[in-house]
Amino acid sequence: MKAEISSYKKLDHLELSISIELEDVQTILPELDSWSCEHVIAMIARNHKEVLYAGILPTIEKYGKELFPRTEVSSQTPEISE
């Protein structure tokens, strides 16, 4: 399996490329023969949006929270030391 950046020209646009080969499927599911692996790849191709979004959405959320953690806002009035 190979993932590459296809295009990253500006900070507001990123294109990724993912390639999945027969050997990748067989590594994960060694019990499948070549014909079965081809059908797994075909199913991934038919459902590529679902497959990619399922992986990328949690990643976006993870890095967004790491880079910009939410701070808790206290509803209490802060104490001022005298």
N, C-alpha and C. Protein backbone atom coordinates (compact mmCIF):
# COMPACT_ATOMS: atom_id res chain seq x y z
N MET A 1 0.86 -1.15 0.00
CA MET A 1 0.00 0.00 0.00
C MET A 1 0.91 1.22 0.00
N LYS A 2 0.49 2.22 -0.75
CA LYS A 2 1.31 3.41 -0.85
C LYS A 2 0.40 4.63 -0.79
N ALA A 3 0.75 5.57 0.04
CA ALA A 3 0.02 6.84 0.13
C ALA A 3 1.01 7.95 -0.17
N GLU A 4 0.59 8.85 -1.05
CA GLU A 4 1.46 9.95 -1.45
C GLU A 4 0.66 11.25 -1.50
N ILE A 5 1.37 12.35 -1.40
CA ILE A 5 0.76 13.65 -1.63
C ILE A 5 0.78 13.89 -3.13
N SER A 6 -0.41 14.04 -3.72
CA SER A 6 -0.51 14.31 -5.15
C SER A 6 -0.30 15.78 -5.44
N SER A 7 -0.87 16.61 -4.57
CA SER A 7 -0.78 18.06 -4.77
C SER A 7 -0.91 18.76 -3.44
N TYR A 8 -0.01 19.68 -3.17
CA TYR A 8 -0.07 20.49 -1.95
C TYR A 8 0.56 21.83 -2.30
N LYS A 9 -0.20 22.62 -3.05
CA LYS A 9 0.32 23.88 -3.55
C LYS A 9 0.05 25.03 -2.58
N LYS A 10 -1.05 24.95 -1.88
CA LYS A 10 -1.43 26.00 -0.94
C LYS A 10 -1.82 25.34 0.37
N LEU A 11 -1.86 26.16 1.40
CA LEU A 11 -2.25 25.62 2.71
C LEU A 11 -3.71 25.24 2.78
N ASP A 12 -4.52 25.68 1.83
CA ASP A 12 -5.95 25.38 1.89
C ASP A 12 -6.38 24.25 0.96
N HIS A 13 -5.42 23.52 0.39
CA HIS A 13 -5.79 22.46 -0.56
C HIS A 13 -4.72 21.35 -0.54
N LEU A 14 -5.17 20.14 -0.28
CA LEU A 14 -4.28 18.98 -0.25
C LEU A 14 -4.94 17.83 -1.01
N GLU A 15 -4.22 17.22 -1.92
CA GLU A 15 -4.71 16.03 -2.63
C GLU A 15 -3.80 14.86 -2.28
N LEU A 16 -4.41 13.76 -1.86
CA LEU A 16 -3.69 12.54 -1.51
C LEU A 16 -3.97 11.45 -2.54
N SER A 17 -3.02 10.59 -2.72
CA SER A 17 -3.17 9.46 -3.63
C SER A 17 -2.87 8.18 -2.85
N ILE A 18 -3.72 7.19 -3.00
CA ILE A 18 -3.53 5.91 -2.31
C ILE A 18 -3.57 4.80 -3.35
N SER A 19 -2.60 3.92 -3.29
CA SER A 19 -2.62 2.76 -4.18
C SER A 19 -2.67 1.49 -3.33
N ILE A 20 -3.53 0.58 -3.73
CA ILE A 20 -3.68 -0.70 -3.04
C ILE A 20 -3.47 -1.79 -4.07
N GLU A 21 -2.57 -2.69 -3.76
CA GLU A 21 -2.26 -3.78 -4.69
C GLU A 21 -2.69 -5.12 -4.10
N LEU A 22 -2.74 -6.11 -4.95
CA LEU A 22 -3.15 -7.45 -4.56
C LEU A 22 -2.37 -7.94 -3.34
N GLU A 23 -1.08 -7.70 -3.34
CA GLU A 23 -0.23 -8.15 -2.23
C GLU A 23 -0.61 -7.48 -0.91
N ASP A 24 -1.09 -6.24 -0.99
CA ASP A 24 -1.52 -5.55 0.23
C ASP A 24 -2.70 -6.27 0.86
N VAL A 25 -3.65 -6.66 0.04
CA VAL A 25 -4.84 -7.37 0.54
C VAL A 25 -4.42 -8.74 1.09
N GLN A 26 -3.54 -9.42 0.37
CA GLN A 26 -3.10 -10.74 0.82
C GLN A 26 -2.30 -10.67 2.12
N THR A 27 -1.61 -9.57 2.36
CA THR A 27 -0.88 -9.40 3.62
C THR A 27 -1.86 -9.31 4.79
N ILE A 28 -2.96 -8.60 4.58
CA ILE A 28 -3.96 -8.43 5.63
C ILE A 28 -4.86 -9.65 5.75
N LEU A 29 -5.19 -10.27 4.61
CA LEU A 29 -6.07 -11.44 4.58
C LEU A 29 -5.39 -12.58 3.83
N PRO A 30 -4.41 -13.23 4.46
CA PRO A 30 -3.63 -14.25 3.76
C PRO A 30 -4.44 -15.47 3.30
N GLU A 31 -5.62 -15.65 3.87
CA GLU A 31 -6.45 -16.80 3.48
C GLU A 31 -7.13 -16.61 2.13
N LEU A 32 -7.13 -15.38 1.60
CA LEU A 32 -7.79 -15.12 0.32
C LEU A 32 -6.87 -15.41 -0.86
N ASP A 33 -7.44 -15.98 -1.90
CA ASP A 33 -6.67 -16.20 -3.12
C ASP A 33 -6.69 -14.91 -3.95
N SER A 34 -5.97 -14.91 -5.05
CA SER A 34 -5.85 -13.71 -5.89
C SER A 34 -7.20 -13.22 -6.39
N TRP A 35 -8.04 -14.15 -6.84
CA TRP A 35 -9.36 -13.78 -7.35
C TRP A 35 -10.17 -13.05 -6.29
N SER A 36 -10.15 -13.56 -5.06
CA SER A 36 -10.88 -12.93 -3.95
C SER A 36 -10.31 -11.56 -3.63
N CYS A 37 -9.00 -11.43 -3.65
CA CYS A 37 -8.35 -10.14 -3.38
C CYS A 37 -8.72 -9.11 -4.44
N GLU A 38 -8.81 -9.55 -5.68
CA GLU A 38 -9.23 -8.64 -6.75
C GLU A 38 -10.63 -8.10 -6.48
N HIS A 39 -11.50 -8.95 -5.96
CA HIS A 39 -12.86 -8.51 -5.65
C HIS A 39 -12.91 -7.57 -4.45
N VAL A 40 -12.02 -7.77 -3.50
CA VAL A 40 -11.91 -6.84 -2.37
C VAL A 40 -11.48 -5.47 -2.89
N ILE A 41 -10.49 -5.44 -3.78
CA ILE A 41 -10.04 -4.18 -4.36
C ILE A 41 -11.16 -3.52 -5.17
N ALA A 42 -11.91 -4.32 -5.91
CA ALA A 42 -13.03 -3.78 -6.68
C ALA A 42 -14.09 -3.16 -5.76
N MET A 43 -14.36 -3.79 -4.63
CA MET A 43 -15.33 -3.26 -3.68
C MET A 43 -14.83 -1.95 -3.08
N ILE A 44 -13.55 -1.89 -2.76
CA ILE A 44 -12.96 -0.64 -2.27
C ILE A 44 -13.09 0.45 -3.32
N ALA A 45 -12.86 0.11 -4.59
CA ALA A 45 -12.98 1.08 -5.67
C ALA A 45 -14.41 1.60 -5.78
N ARG A 46 -15.38 0.72 -5.66
CA ARG A 46 -16.79 1.13 -5.75
C ARG A 46 -17.21 2.01 -4.58
N ASN A 47 -16.59 1.79 -3.44
CA ASN A 47 -16.96 2.50 -2.21
C ASN A 47 -15.83 3.43 -1.74
N HIS A 48 -15.06 3.94 -2.67
CA HIS A 48 -13.85 4.68 -2.31
C HIS A 48 -14.13 5.90 -1.44
N LYS A 49 -15.23 6.59 -1.65
CA LYS A 49 -15.51 7.77 -0.83
C LYS A 49 -15.73 7.36 0.63
N GLU A 50 -16.53 6.33 0.83
CA GLU A 50 -16.79 5.85 2.18
C GLU A 50 -15.50 5.39 2.85
N VAL A 51 -14.68 4.67 2.10
CA VAL A 51 -13.41 4.15 2.63
C VAL A 51 -12.48 5.30 3.03
N LEU A 52 -12.34 6.27 2.15
CA LEU A 52 -11.42 7.36 2.43
C LEU A 52 -11.92 8.26 3.54
N TYR A 53 -13.21 8.60 3.51
CA TYR A 53 -13.74 9.48 4.54
C TYR A 53 -13.69 8.82 5.91
N ALA A 54 -13.90 7.53 5.98
CA ALA A 54 -13.85 6.83 7.26
C ALA A 54 -12.46 6.93 7.88
N GLY A 55 -11.45 7.00 7.03
CA GLY A 55 -10.08 7.12 7.54
C GLY A 55 -9.63 8.56 7.74
N ILE A 56 -10.06 9.47 6.89
CA ILE A 56 -9.54 10.83 6.95
C ILE A 56 -10.26 11.70 7.98
N LEU A 57 -11.55 11.51 8.18
CA LEU A 57 -12.27 12.37 9.12
C LEU A 57 -11.72 12.27 10.55
N PRO A 58 -11.48 11.06 11.08
CA PRO A 58 -10.88 10.99 12.42
C PRO A 58 -9.47 11.59 12.45
N THR A 59 -8.75 11.50 11.35
CA THR A 59 -7.40 12.05 11.29
C THR A 59 -7.44 13.57 11.33
N ILE A 60 -8.37 14.17 10.57
CA ILE A 60 -8.52 15.62 10.60
C ILE A 60 -8.86 16.08 12.02
N GLU A 61 -9.80 15.39 12.64
CA GLU A 61 -10.20 15.75 14.00
C GLU A 61 -9.03 15.60 14.98
N LYS A 62 -8.28 14.52 14.86
CA LYS A 62 -7.15 14.26 15.76
C LYS A 62 -6.12 15.38 15.68
N TYR A 63 -5.68 15.72 14.47
CA TYR A 63 -4.65 16.73 14.33
C TYR A 63 -5.19 18.13 14.65
N GLY A 64 -6.45 18.38 14.34
CA GLY A 64 -7.04 19.65 14.71
C GLY A 64 -7.05 19.86 16.22
N LYS A 65 -7.39 18.81 16.95
CA LYS A 65 -7.42 18.89 18.41
C LYS A 65 -6.01 18.97 19.00
N GLU A 66 -5.05 18.28 18.37
CA GLU A 66 -3.67 18.35 18.85
C GLU A 66 -3.09 19.74 18.64
N LEU A 67 -3.33 20.31 17.47
CA LEU A 67 -2.78 21.62 17.16
C LEU A 67 -3.51 22.75 17.87
N PHE A 68 -4.81 22.61 18.02
CA PHE A 68 -5.62 23.68 18.59
C PHE A 68 -6.57 23.12 19.64
N PRO A 69 -6.01 22.72 20.80
CA PRO A 69 -6.86 22.13 21.83
C PRO A 69 -7.85 23.17 22.37
N ARG A 70 -9.01 22.69 22.70
CA ARG A 70 -10.03 23.57 23.28
C ARG A 70 -9.65 23.81 24.74
N THR A 71 -9.78 25.03 25.16
CA THR A 71 -9.52 25.33 26.56
C THR A 71 -10.84 25.44 27.28
N GLU A 72 -10.85 24.96 28.49
CA GLU A 72 -12.08 25.02 29.28
C GLU A 72 -12.28 26.44 29.78
N VAL A 73 -13.46 26.92 29.61
CA VAL A 73 -13.80 28.25 30.10
C VAL A 73 -14.56 28.07 31.40
N SER A 74 -14.02 28.65 32.44
CA SER A 74 -14.66 28.52 33.75
C SER A 74 -15.77 29.54 33.87
N SER A 75 -16.88 29.12 34.42
CA SER A 75 -18.01 30.03 34.62
C SER A 75 -17.86 30.80 35.93
N GLN A 76 -16.85 30.44 36.69
CA GLN A 76 -16.64 31.12 37.97
C GLN A 76 -15.84 32.40 37.75
N THR A 77 -16.07 33.36 38.60
CA THR A 77 -15.31 34.60 38.55
C THR A 77 -13.92 34.32 39.11
N PRO A 78 -12.89 34.72 38.38
CA PRO A 78 -11.54 34.45 38.89
C PRO A 78 -11.26 35.26 40.16
N GLU A 79 -10.50 34.65 41.04
CA GLU A 79 -10.13 35.33 42.27
C GLU A 79 -8.95 36.24 42.00
N ILE A 80 -8.99 37.41 42.58
CA ILE A 80 -7.89 38.36 42.43
C ILE A 80 -7.14 38.42 43.75
N SER A 81 -5.84 38.17 43.66
CA SER A 81 -5.04 38.23 44.88
C SER A 81 -4.73 39.68 45.21
N GLU A 82 -4.74 40.00 46.48
CA GLU A 82 -4.49 41.38 46.89
C GLU A 82 -3.14 41.55 47.45
